Structures are given as structure tokens and as C-alpha cells.
């Protein structure tokens, strides 16, 4: 079986680090394939699939009602709480796992199996209980697989190729997003404000879950059989186990691992700026479909949401690859991240300031948002790896860094739900949606400014 490193890897150094050779084009594609599968499955869940499925369980005279928003918001909060604590734990375990199969791949396999096992429940979600159980399995699988896969990246990527690899990470991520959103738009685009068949929603969301689960399964197999890991040194693993003989010692060590990365200034700044951006992005993505339904009064709101998202991702593919490669050349990634985030802020503010003329410019705004999103997605990965305190503990530190995504996804639905429900109570639901996008724009702007304080 082809290995991305072939025989060019050098063994463990004095402290257990591994020297890795440059990746070929084929090696980059194999290493980053799983980003495609994961994002093909998850990209359309929040903006299209789950909001549409909620209609099955919480009926209303109009899509985007305050009750549906409240249910979606609490669903996101519950999911985010799980996602907050699992990645650091899984990352720590994968850092310390020994065996011939490698440190990361066992968790990638387990997480992939859970993602696949969630599919029958989500396809046959005849009740809200089955739906929630299926989402829980999917969430657990993702939170086992993703931190282990994140740890695999710095394990296999040499320092001089981080920007280039970031471009591949961004490109495969965005390509997965395009496929997922395109599939969801095609399957659910016939749903509109006036006519939506319960049977069609059930069957077509089922097709979405089956197809994307197959993509995840193939991507997992490519990663497991195509990427060769160098196992953790057995003696080093034994020393770690010896230090953690009791549960109390393990908990103390786990808490220490949470605190340790925060002592680094650049880690703190990148974490906080990413958290600000992800808060804005969570607000933007969560309520886009409902915005088109309630503010713009578009009948085919699902189709329009999908088309705009695909236009955005088309721009993101171009900017993601270019920005990742440029960041390696200039060795200064923060300005690129700041400019990308500013594009996203301007787009979000247009939803607030120009609601009457928004649909005239929506295609251009979609591409503009995508250019910013693509540059941010690719360059930020390299920037995040640059500020890790230790590559030997990359799995654990990236798990902590994941909190910059999960904390905002806890806060965003709570904040958005409060704004929309208060506005709905005053009979101004449309204004509530506009205010949500205004707040998203402000968080994008804070991220654009904050990232400039990252030291070289």
C-alpha cells in the first residue's frame, strides 16, 4: 500500500520527535482526503439539513418561527458542550497511544465507525428521540475522529510545507463543503414556504445522510491504509503510564494540559481571534436559511441558501490554495488572516444595512464572503500549527485549540435565540434576524483586528 512518506522518514530523535521529509503532490492529496469526507457530511447540516428536519418535529405556519429557532439553538448548545471537552481528551490519548497501528489511526477508525453507525438512525428519524440519538452518535464519532486526524497533520508535515499543506487543508475542506451543500440543495431545493412534503423531507434527508456517510467511509479507508505513522516509542509510553497510576493523577495532568498552552502569548491571541471569528461564523451560518425565509420572503429559501453557499465556496477554493502557498513565502500569516476576516465582516454587514437591495448583489456578496473564508480557512491552519507550544503534544494542544470553535457554537445560538425571540415578542422578527447578522459582522471585525497582534 502506498505511503505518503515512503522510506524517507528518519527515526525518533533524542526527545521523541520525528523528522519527516517533504510531501509529494500525491502524498498531500492522500493526507488531506479525510477533510473532504468530513466536510461533505457536515457542511450542509447546520445551514440546510437540520433546520429543514426541524420542520418535521416542530410545525409552524411559517418556517423560521421563534419556536424552531429556540429548538435549533438548544440543539447546538448541547452538541457544543460535548465538543468542548472531548477533543482535548481524545487528543491527549492519541498523543500517548502506542502500538504498531500508530497513535492517531485507532481513533480515526473508531470515530469513523460511529459516524457510519449514526446513519440508519438519522435516515429513519421517525421521532424526535431517534433523531437526537442519531445526532449524538454522529457527534461522538466526529469528536473522536477529528482531534486524532488533526494530530496526524503536524506529525506528517515538515515545517517548510505548513503553508502549502494549509492550502490543501483549505482546498479539500472547501471542496467537501461544495459537494455537501450542492447535494443538500439538489435534494431539498424543492421545499418552499408554501409547500413542503413531510415524506419528501424524510426521504431526501435520508439520501443525504447515506451518500455523505459513504464519502466519510471511503476517506477513512484512504487515510488508514494510505498514511503510515511511526508508532510512539514504547519506553516513552511506559513512562507516561507510570506517571498516571491513579485517576487523581490523570485528572491533575489533564487539567494541567488544558492550562499549559495558555501560557504562550501567540497561542492566546490566535485562540481568541479564532473564537471571535467562529462566533460570527456560527451566527451567520445558523440563521442564513431562516433569514432568506423571514426577511427576504423567498419562497425557495433552501435552494437560494444552497446556491449562495456554493458561490461562496467557489471563491473560497481559489483564495484558499493561493493564500496557503503565499503564506509559506512571506512567513507572516497574520495579515492574510486579517484581510480575509475583514471581507467576511463587510459581507455580513450588507445583510443589515441593505436588506431591500440584498438580492440584487447577493451573488457578488457570496463570492466576496467565500474569498475571505477560503483565505482564512487555509492560512489559519498553518498559523495555528505555528503557535503550538510543542509538536510532541500536538494532539492535546489542538484539542484545546478546538475549544475556540466549540465555545462560540455554545454562545452563538444562545445569543441569536435571545435576539430573535426578544424581537419576535415585539412583533419585529425580521429586525431580529438583521441584528443577528450585525452582531456577526462585529465579531468578524474584532477577529480581523485581533489577529494583527500575533507576534512574528
Protein backbone atom coordinates (compact mmCIF):
# COMPACT_ATOMS: atom_id res chain seq x y z
CA UNK A 1 0.00 0.00 0.00
CA UNK A 2 1.30 3.45 -0.90
CA UNK A 3 2.61 5.52 1.99
CA UNK A 4 2.85 9.29 1.87
CA UNK A 5 6.31 9.22 3.41
CA UNK A 6 7.65 6.06 1.76
CA UNK A 7 11.08 5.30 3.23
CA UNK A 8 12.32 8.84 3.77
CA UNK A 9 11.29 9.19 7.42
CA UNK A 10 14.05 9.38 9.98
CA UNK A 11 13.57 7.72 13.38
CA UNK A 12 12.88 9.30 16.72
CA UNK A 13 15.32 11.91 17.96
CA UNK A 14 16.59 12.45 21.47
CA UNK A 15 13.23 13.70 22.80
CA UNK A 16 10.97 11.51 20.68
CA UNK A 17 10.41 13.95 17.83
CA UNK A 18 10.24 12.64 14.27
CA UNK A 19 11.91 14.19 11.26
CA UNK A 20 9.74 14.00 8.18
CA UNK A 21 10.51 14.57 4.52
CA UNK A 22 8.67 16.79 2.07
CA UNK A 23 5.30 15.60 0.84
CA UNK A 24 4.70 14.95 -2.83
CA UNK A 25 1.52 16.09 -4.54
CA UNK A 26 0.12 12.57 -4.22
CA UNK A 27 1.11 12.48 -0.56
CA UNK A 28 -0.65 15.79 0.11
CA UNK A 29 -3.84 14.53 -1.52
CA UNK A 30 -3.84 11.27 0.45
CA UNK A 31 -3.10 13.03 3.75
CA UNK A 32 -5.89 15.58 3.25
CA UNK A 33 -8.59 13.35 1.72
CA UNK A 34 -10.41 12.93 5.02
CA UNK A 35 -11.02 16.70 5.25
CA UNK A 36 -13.11 16.28 2.11
CA UNK A 37 -15.25 13.47 3.53
CA UNK A 38 -15.80 15.11 6.92
CA UNK A 39 -16.87 18.42 5.43
CA UNK A 40 -19.04 16.83 2.75
CA UNK A 41 -21.00 15.28 5.60
CA UNK A 42 -21.15 18.25 7.97
CA UNK A 43 -21.19 21.36 5.76
CA UNK A 44 -24.92 21.37 4.98
CA UNK A 45 -26.14 20.05 8.34
CA UNK A 46 -26.41 23.41 10.06
CA UNK A 47 -27.42 25.77 7.24
CA UNK A 48 -29.82 23.42 5.37
CA UNK A 49 -30.45 19.86 6.55
CA UNK A 50 -31.11 20.17 10.30
CA UNK A 51 -33.22 23.38 10.06
CA UNK A 52 -35.30 21.62 7.41
CA UNK A 53 -35.69 18.45 9.50
CA UNK A 54 -36.81 20.53 12.48
CA UNK A 55 -39.96 21.29 10.48
CA UNK A 56 -40.85 17.58 10.91
CA UNK A 57 -40.88 17.85 14.69
CA UNK A 58 -41.88 21.47 15.37
CA UNK A 59 -44.58 22.52 12.95
CA UNK A 60 -45.43 26.17 12.39
CA UNK A 61 -47.35 28.32 9.97
CA UNK A 62 -44.07 29.77 8.75
CA UNK A 63 -40.55 28.41 8.50
CA UNK A 64 -38.13 30.17 10.82
CA UNK A 65 -40.55 30.67 13.70
CA UNK A 66 -39.27 31.57 17.16
CA UNK A 67 -40.06 28.03 18.40
CA UNK A 68 -37.98 26.44 15.64
CA UNK A 69 -35.12 28.85 16.32
CA UNK A 70 -35.24 28.01 20.04
CA UNK A 71 -35.10 24.25 19.38
CA UNK A 72 -32.22 24.66 16.91
CA UNK A 73 -30.35 26.85 19.39
CA UNK A 74 -30.62 24.40 22.29
CA UNK A 75 -29.66 21.56 19.98
CA UNK A 76 -26.46 23.41 19.09
CA UNK A 77 -25.70 24.21 22.72
CA UNK A 78 -25.97 20.55 23.77
CA UNK A 79 -23.77 19.46 20.86
CA UNK A 80 -21.18 22.12 21.61
CA UNK A 81 -20.85 21.16 25.27
CA UNK A 82 -19.86 17.64 24.20
CA UNK A 83 -17.49 19.07 21.59
CA UNK A 84 -15.82 21.28 24.19
CA UNK A 85 -14.48 18.50 26.42
CA UNK A 86 -13.93 15.51 24.13
CA UNK A 87 -11.22 16.81 21.71
CA UNK A 88 -8.58 17.58 24.41
CA UNK A 89 -9.18 14.16 25.98
CA UNK A 90 -9.00 12.29 22.67
CA UNK A 91 -6.00 14.38 21.61
CA UNK A 92 -4.19 13.53 24.84
CA UNK A 93 -4.99 9.81 24.50
CA UNK A 94 -3.81 9.75 20.88
CA UNK A 95 -0.56 11.50 21.85
CA UNK A 96 0.15 8.66 24.29
CA UNK A 97 -1.15 5.65 22.33
CA UNK A 98 1.45 3.05 21.45
CA UNK A 99 1.21 0.12 19.08
CA UNK A 100 2.09 -0.82 15.55
CA UNK A 101 -1.09 0.75 14.15
CA UNK A 102 0.08 4.21 15.19
CA UNK A 103 -1.10 6.90 17.58
CA UNK A 104 -3.86 8.53 15.55
CA UNK A 105 -5.31 5.86 13.30
CA UNK A 106 -7.06 3.77 16.00
CA UNK A 107 -9.17 6.78 16.96
CA UNK A 108 -9.81 7.65 13.31
CA UNK A 109 -11.21 4.14 12.78
CA UNK A 110 -13.40 4.24 15.93
CA UNK A 111 -14.75 7.69 15.10
CA UNK A 112 -15.42 6.71 11.51
CA UNK A 113 -17.41 3.66 12.60
CA UNK A 114 -19.60 5.77 14.89
CA UNK A 115 -20.25 8.23 12.08
CA UNK A 116 -21.36 5.39 9.83
CA UNK A 117 -23.47 3.76 12.58
CA UNK A 118 -25.36 7.03 13.13
CA UNK A 119 -26.62 6.94 9.54
CA UNK A 120 -29.51 4.41 9.90
CA UNK A 121 -30.94 6.37 12.85
CA UNK A 122 -30.79 9.69 11.01
CA UNK A 123 -32.27 8.15 7.86
CA UNK A 124 -35.17 6.60 9.79
CA UNK A 125 -35.76 9.53 12.15
CA UNK A 126 -39.46 8.86 12.65
CA UNK A 127 -39.46 10.56 16.03
CA UNK A 128 -37.52 13.32 17.70
CA UNK A 129 -35.92 10.78 20.08
CA UNK A 130 -34.43 8.71 17.23
CA UNK A 131 -33.29 11.91 15.54
CA UNK A 132 -31.47 13.07 18.68
CA UNK A 133 -29.86 9.67 19.29
CA UNK A 134 -28.60 9.63 15.71
CA UNK A 135 -27.16 13.13 16.03
CA UNK A 136 -25.50 12.14 19.31
CA UNK A 137 -23.75 9.18 17.68
CA UNK A 138 -22.66 11.36 14.77
CA UNK A 139 -21.34 13.98 17.19
CA UNK A 140 -19.41 11.43 19.27
CA UNK A 141 -17.86 9.95 16.15
CA UNK A 142 -16.80 13.32 14.85
CA UNK A 143 -15.28 14.31 18.19
CA UNK A 144 -13.23 11.12 18.33
CA UNK A 145 -12.11 11.14 14.70
CA UNK A 146 -11.36 14.85 14.18
CA UNK A 147 -8.87 15.54 17.03
CA UNK A 148 -6.92 12.39 16.14
CA UNK A 149 -6.86 13.40 12.48
CA UNK A 150 -5.79 16.93 13.40
CA UNK A 151 -2.88 15.47 15.36
CA UNK A 152 -1.86 13.40 12.35
CA UNK A 153 -1.28 16.54 10.27
CA UNK A 154 1.66 18.09 12.19
CA UNK A 155 3.05 14.56 12.67
CA UNK A 156 3.44 14.18 8.91
CA UNK A 157 4.03 17.74 7.63
CA UNK A 158 7.53 19.32 7.65
CA UNK A 159 7.82 22.92 8.88
CA UNK A 160 8.65 24.33 5.45
CA UNK A 161 5.43 22.90 3.95
CA UNK A 162 2.91 24.07 6.53
CA UNK A 163 1.56 26.86 4.35
CA UNK A 164 1.33 24.59 1.31
CA UNK A 165 -0.40 21.89 3.35
CA UNK A 166 -2.71 24.57 4.77
CA UNK A 167 -3.74 25.27 1.19
CA UNK A 168 -4.58 21.60 0.69
CA UNK A 169 -6.44 21.51 4.02
CA UNK A 170 -8.45 24.54 2.94
CA UNK A 171 -8.96 23.24 -0.59
CA UNK A 172 -10.20 19.80 0.46
CA UNK A 173 -12.33 21.34 3.21
CA UNK A 174 -13.98 23.72 0.78
CA UNK A 175 -14.38 21.05 -1.91
CA UNK A 176 -16.17 18.89 0.67
CA UNK A 177 -18.35 21.87 1.57
CA UNK A 178 -19.27 22.37 -2.09
CA UNK A 179 -20.25 18.71 -2.51
CA UNK A 180 -22.28 18.62 0.72
CA UNK A 181 -24.08 21.89 0.09
CA UNK A 182 -24.67 21.05 -3.56
CA UNK A 183 -26.15 17.67 -2.64
CA UNK A 184 -28.39 19.20 0.04
CA UNK A 185 -29.56 21.95 -2.30
CA UNK A 186 -30.40 19.44 -5.00
CA UNK A 187 -32.27 17.11 -2.64
CA UNK A 188 -34.11 19.76 -0.59
CA UNK A 189 -34.28 22.68 -3.04
CA UNK A 190 -37.92 21.91 -3.86
CA UNK A 191 -39.05 22.84 -0.35
CA UNK A 192 -40.51 26.33 -0.06
CA UNK A 193 -42.59 28.46 2.25
CA UNK A 194 -45.92 27.35 0.82
CA UNK A 195 -45.47 23.66 0.03
CA UNK A 196 -43.27 21.16 1.79
CA UNK A 197 -43.97 17.44 1.77
CA UNK A 198 -43.14 15.63 5.01
CA UNK A 199 -42.42 12.46 3.04
CA UNK A 200 -40.02 14.26 0.70
CA UNK A 201 -38.13 15.80 3.63
CA UNK A 202 -37.74 12.38 5.27
CA UNK A 203 -36.62 10.54 2.12
CA UNK A 204 -34.32 13.23 0.75
CA UNK A 205 -32.56 13.94 4.05
CA UNK A 206 -32.11 10.16 4.28
CA UNK A 207 -30.38 10.13 0.89
CA UNK A 208 -28.12 12.96 2.08
CA UNK A 209 -27.03 11.04 5.18
CA UNK A 210 -26.39 7.82 3.23
CA UNK A 211 -24.32 9.44 0.46
CA UNK A 212 -22.20 11.53 2.83
CA UNK A 213 -21.63 8.56 5.17
CA UNK A 214 -20.22 6.63 2.20
CA UNK A 215 -17.87 9.54 1.42
CA UNK A 216 -16.65 9.55 5.03
CA UNK A 217 -16.10 5.78 4.96
CA UNK A 218 -14.03 5.94 1.76
CA UNK A 219 -12.00 8.86 3.12
CA UNK A 220 -11.28 7.00 6.37
CA UNK A 221 -10.07 3.95 4.43
CA UNK A 222 -7.78 6.11 2.27
CA UNK A 223 -6.29 7.69 5.39
CA UNK A 224 -5.90 4.47 7.38
CA UNK A 225 -4.26 2.49 4.55
CA UNK A 226 -2.50 5.35 2.75
CA UNK A 227 -0.81 7.20 5.62
CA UNK A 228 1.97 5.46 7.52
CA UNK A 229 2.55 6.50 11.11
CA UNK A 230 5.69 6.00 13.13
CA UNK A 231 4.50 4.37 16.39
CA UNK A 232 5.12 6.06 19.72
CA UNK A 233 8.29 4.76 21.37
CA UNK A 234 7.27 2.02 23.80
CA UNK A 235 9.63 3.22 26.56
CA UNK A 236 8.22 6.75 26.36
CA UNK A 237 4.67 5.36 26.57
CA UNK A 238 5.57 3.25 29.60
CA UNK A 239 6.96 6.32 31.39
CA UNK A 240 3.73 8.20 30.75
CA UNK A 241 1.62 5.33 32.11
CA UNK A 242 3.87 5.09 35.17
CA UNK A 243 3.23 8.78 35.91
CA UNK A 244 -0.52 8.27 35.74
CA UNK A 245 -1.09 5.33 38.05
CA UNK A 246 -4.10 6.86 39.76
CA UNK A 247 -7.23 8.52 38.46
CA UNK A 248 -6.47 11.64 40.50
CA UNK A 249 -3.05 11.98 38.93
CA UNK A 250 -4.59 11.57 35.48
CA UNK A 251 -7.16 14.31 36.19
CA UNK A 252 -4.47 16.63 37.53
CA UNK A 253 -2.36 16.02 34.46
CA UNK A 254 -5.36 16.57 32.18
CA UNK A 255 -6.14 19.92 33.83
CA UNK A 256 -2.50 20.92 33.58
CA UNK A 257 -2.56 20.10 29.87
CA UNK A 258 -5.56 22.41 29.47
CA UNK A 259 -3.72 25.29 31.14
CA UNK A 260 -0.25 24.80 29.64
CA UNK A 261 -0.84 26.16 26.10
CA UNK A 262 -2.38 29.36 27.51
CA UNK A 263 0.99 30.41 28.87
CA UNK A 264 2.10 31.17 25.30
CA UNK A 265 1.16 34.68 24.12
CA UNK A 266 0.69 33.79 20.45
CA UNK A 267 -1.47 30.78 21.33
CA UNK A 268 -3.74 33.03 23.41
CA UNK A 269 -4.07 35.61 20.64
CA UNK A 270 -4.76 33.09 17.88
CA UNK A 271 -7.25 31.28 20.12
CA UNK A 272 -9.17 34.47 20.99
CA UNK A 273 -9.24 35.83 17.44
CA UNK A 274 -10.38 32.46 16.08
CA UNK A 275 -13.05 32.27 18.78
CA UNK A 276 -14.32 35.72 17.75
CA UNK A 277 -14.43 34.72 14.09
CA UNK A 278 -16.13 31.40 14.80
CA UNK A 279 -18.75 33.17 16.90
CA UNK A 280 -19.53 35.43 13.95
CA UNK A 281 -19.49 32.47 11.54
CA UNK A 282 -21.82 30.41 13.77
CA UNK A 283 -24.31 33.30 13.90
CA UNK A 284 -24.03 33.81 10.14
CA UNK A 285 -24.40 30.14 9.15
CA UNK A 286 -27.07 29.16 11.67
CA UNK A 287 -29.65 31.73 10.61
CA UNK A 288 -28.96 32.23 6.88
CA UNK A 289 -31.77 29.91 5.72
CA UNK A 290 -34.28 31.44 8.14
CA UNK A 291 -33.10 34.97 7.13
CA UNK A 292 -34.00 34.29 3.50
CA UNK A 293 -37.36 32.88 4.58
CA UNK A 294 -38.41 35.61 7.05
CA UNK A 295 -36.59 38.79 5.96
CA UNK A 296 -36.36 38.35 2.19
CA UNK A 297 -39.61 36.31 1.96
CA UNK A 298 -38.08 33.99 -0.65
CA UNK A 299 -40.30 31.02 -1.44
CA UNK A 300 -37.43 28.69 -2.45
CA UNK A 301 -35.27 29.69 0.52
CA UNK A 302 -33.49 26.31 0.73
CA UNK A 303 -32.40 26.46 -2.91
CA UNK A 304 -31.21 30.06 -2.62
CA UNK A 305 -29.25 29.25 0.55
CA UNK A 306 -27.51 26.37 -1.22
CA UNK A 307 -26.68 28.39 -4.34
CA UNK A 308 -25.25 31.30 -2.37
CA UNK A 309 -23.19 28.91 -0.25
CA UNK A 310 -21.79 27.19 -3.34
CA UNK A 311 -20.87 30.53 -4.92
CA UNK A 312 -19.10 31.47 -1.71
CA UNK A 313 -17.22 28.19 -1.67
CA UNK A 314 -16.25 28.61 -5.33
CA UNK A 315 -14.41 31.79 -4.38
CA UNK A 316 -13.02 30.05 -1.32
CA UNK A 317 -11.35 27.28 -3.34
CA UNK A 318 -9.31 29.82 -5.30
CA UNK A 319 -8.32 32.02 -2.36
CA UNK A 320 -7.61 29.03 -0.09
CA UNK A 321 -4.97 27.42 -2.29
CA UNK A 322 -3.31 30.72 -3.27
CA UNK A 323 -3.22 32.10 0.29
CA UNK A 324 -1.76 28.91 1.76
CA UNK A 325 1.16 28.89 -0.68
CA UNK A 326 1.77 32.65 -0.29
CA UNK A 327 1.91 32.33 3.50
CA UNK A 328 4.90 29.98 3.17
CA UNK A 329 6.73 32.53 1.03
CA UNK A 330 6.10 35.61 3.17
CA UNK A 331 6.41 33.85 6.56
CA UNK A 332 3.84 36.24 8.00
CA UNK A 333 0.40 34.71 8.08
CA UNK A 334 -1.47 37.12 10.37
CA UNK A 335 -2.04 39.95 7.79
CA UNK A 336 -3.55 37.46 5.34
CA UNK A 337 -5.92 36.18 8.04
CA UNK A 338 -6.87 39.77 8.97
CA UNK A 339 -7.70 40.74 5.37
CA UNK A 340 -9.73 37.56 4.88
CA UNK A 341 -11.75 38.19 8.03
CA UNK A 342 -12.44 41.80 7.00
CA UNK A 343 -14.05 40.55 3.77
CA UNK A 344 -16.38 38.36 5.83
CA UNK A 345 -17.28 41.28 8.10
CA UNK A 346 -18.24 43.56 5.20
CA UNK A 347 -20.42 40.83 3.68
CA UNK A 348 -22.25 40.22 6.95
CA UNK A 349 -22.93 43.93 7.45
CA UNK A 350 -24.55 44.11 4.00
CA UNK A 351 -27.32 41.81 5.32
CA UNK A 352 -28.07 44.51 7.91
CA UNK A 353 -27.64 47.76 6.01
CA UNK A 354 -29.06 46.86 2.58
CA UNK A 355 -31.85 44.28 3.12
CA UNK A 356 -34.02 45.82 0.36
CA UNK A 357 -31.29 45.55 -2.30
CA UNK A 358 -29.56 42.47 -0.92
CA UNK A 359 -30.83 40.01 -3.54
CA UNK A 360 -29.50 42.21 -6.34
CA UNK A 361 -25.97 41.84 -5.03
CA UNK A 362 -26.27 38.50 -3.25
CA UNK A 363 -24.20 36.59 -5.81
CA UNK A 364 -21.32 39.08 -5.57
CA UNK A 365 -21.56 39.10 -1.79
CA UNK A 366 -21.44 35.31 -1.75
CA UNK A 367 -18.23 35.25 -3.76
CA UNK A 368 -16.72 38.00 -1.57
CA UNK A 369 -17.52 36.08 1.59
CA UNK A 370 -16.04 32.96 0.01
CA UNK A 371 -12.78 34.69 -0.90
CA UNK A 372 -12.38 35.72 2.73
CA UNK A 373 -13.47 32.36 4.11
CA UNK A 374 -11.11 30.40 1.85
CA UNK A 375 -8.08 32.51 2.71
CA UNK A 376 -8.91 32.31 6.40
CA UNK A 377 -9.51 28.53 6.39
CA UNK A 378 -6.19 27.68 4.77
CA UNK A 379 -3.84 30.23 6.35
CA UNK A 380 -5.31 29.90 9.85
CA UNK A 381 -4.44 26.19 9.97
CA UNK A 382 -0.77 26.97 9.35
CA UNK A 383 -0.88 29.86 11.82
CA UNK A 384 -2.37 27.58 14.47
CA UNK A 385 0.35 24.95 13.99
CA UNK A 386 2.99 27.69 14.18
CA UNK A 387 1.85 28.76 17.67
CA UNK A 388 1.58 25.29 19.23
CA UNK A 389 3.83 25.10 22.31
CA UNK A 390 5.03 21.57 21.45
CA UNK A 391 4.61 19.36 18.40
CA UNK A 392 5.16 16.29 20.61
CA UNK A 393 1.80 17.12 22.23
CA UNK A 394 0.11 18.35 19.06
CA UNK A 395 -2.97 16.17 19.55
CA UNK A 396 -3.61 17.52 23.04
CA UNK A 397 -2.86 21.16 22.16
CA UNK A 398 -5.03 21.04 19.03
CA UNK A 399 -7.78 19.54 21.19
CA UNK A 400 -7.54 22.55 23.50
CA UNK A 401 -7.40 24.83 20.46
CA UNK A 402 -10.64 23.19 19.25
CA UNK A 403 -12.39 24.97 22.10
CA UNK A 404 -12.03 28.16 20.04
CA UNK A 405 -14.62 26.58 17.75
CA UNK A 406 -16.87 24.86 20.28
CA UNK A 407 -17.20 27.70 22.81
CA UNK A 408 -18.57 30.08 20.15
CA UNK A 409 -21.03 27.43 18.97
CA UNK A 410 -22.37 27.33 22.52
CA UNK A 411 -22.61 31.11 22.76
CA UNK A 412 -23.90 31.85 19.23
CA UNK A 413 -27.26 30.01 19.40
CA UNK A 414 -27.94 31.38 22.87
CA UNK A 415 -27.17 34.92 21.74
CA UNK A 416 -29.03 34.57 18.44
CA UNK A 417 -32.06 32.96 20.08
CA UNK A 418 -32.30 35.77 22.66
CA UNK A 419 -32.09 38.48 19.98
CA UNK A 420 -34.66 36.85 17.69
CA UNK A 421 -37.11 35.92 20.46
CA UNK A 422 -36.99 39.42 22.00
CA UNK A 423 -37.57 40.94 18.57
CA UNK A 424 -40.38 38.44 17.87
CA UNK A 425 -42.03 39.39 21.17
CA UNK A 426 -42.12 42.98 19.93
CA UNK A 427 -43.53 41.87 16.56
CA UNK A 428 -40.21 42.57 14.78
CA UNK A 429 -38.89 39.13 13.89
CA UNK A 430 -37.28 40.34 10.65
CA UNK A 431 -35.41 43.05 12.57
CA UNK A 432 -34.14 40.38 14.96
CA UNK A 433 -32.56 38.45 12.09
CA UNK A 434 -30.90 41.63 10.80
CA UNK A 435 -29.49 42.35 14.26
CA UNK A 436 -28.03 38.83 14.42
CA UNK A 437 -26.11 39.45 11.20
CA UNK A 438 -24.96 42.83 12.52
CA UNK A 439 -23.53 41.18 15.63
CA UNK A 440 -21.84 38.56 13.41
CA UNK A 441 -20.19 41.35 11.41
CA UNK A 442 -18.85 42.96 14.59
CA UNK A 443 -17.27 39.69 15.73
CA UNK A 444 -15.65 39.26 12.30
CA UNK A 445 -14.22 42.78 12.63
CA UNK A 446 -12.85 42.06 16.12
CA UNK A 447 -11.13 38.95 14.74
CA UNK A 448 -9.60 40.95 11.86
CA UNK A 449 -8.15 43.46 14.30
CA UNK A 450 -7.08 40.94 16.95
CA UNK A 451 -5.05 38.72 14.63
CA UNK A 452 -2.75 41.64 13.81
CA UNK A 453 -1.43 41.46 17.40
CA UNK A 454 0.03 37.99 16.81
CA UNK A 455 3.82 38.30 17.04
CA UNK A 456 6.04 37.09 14.23
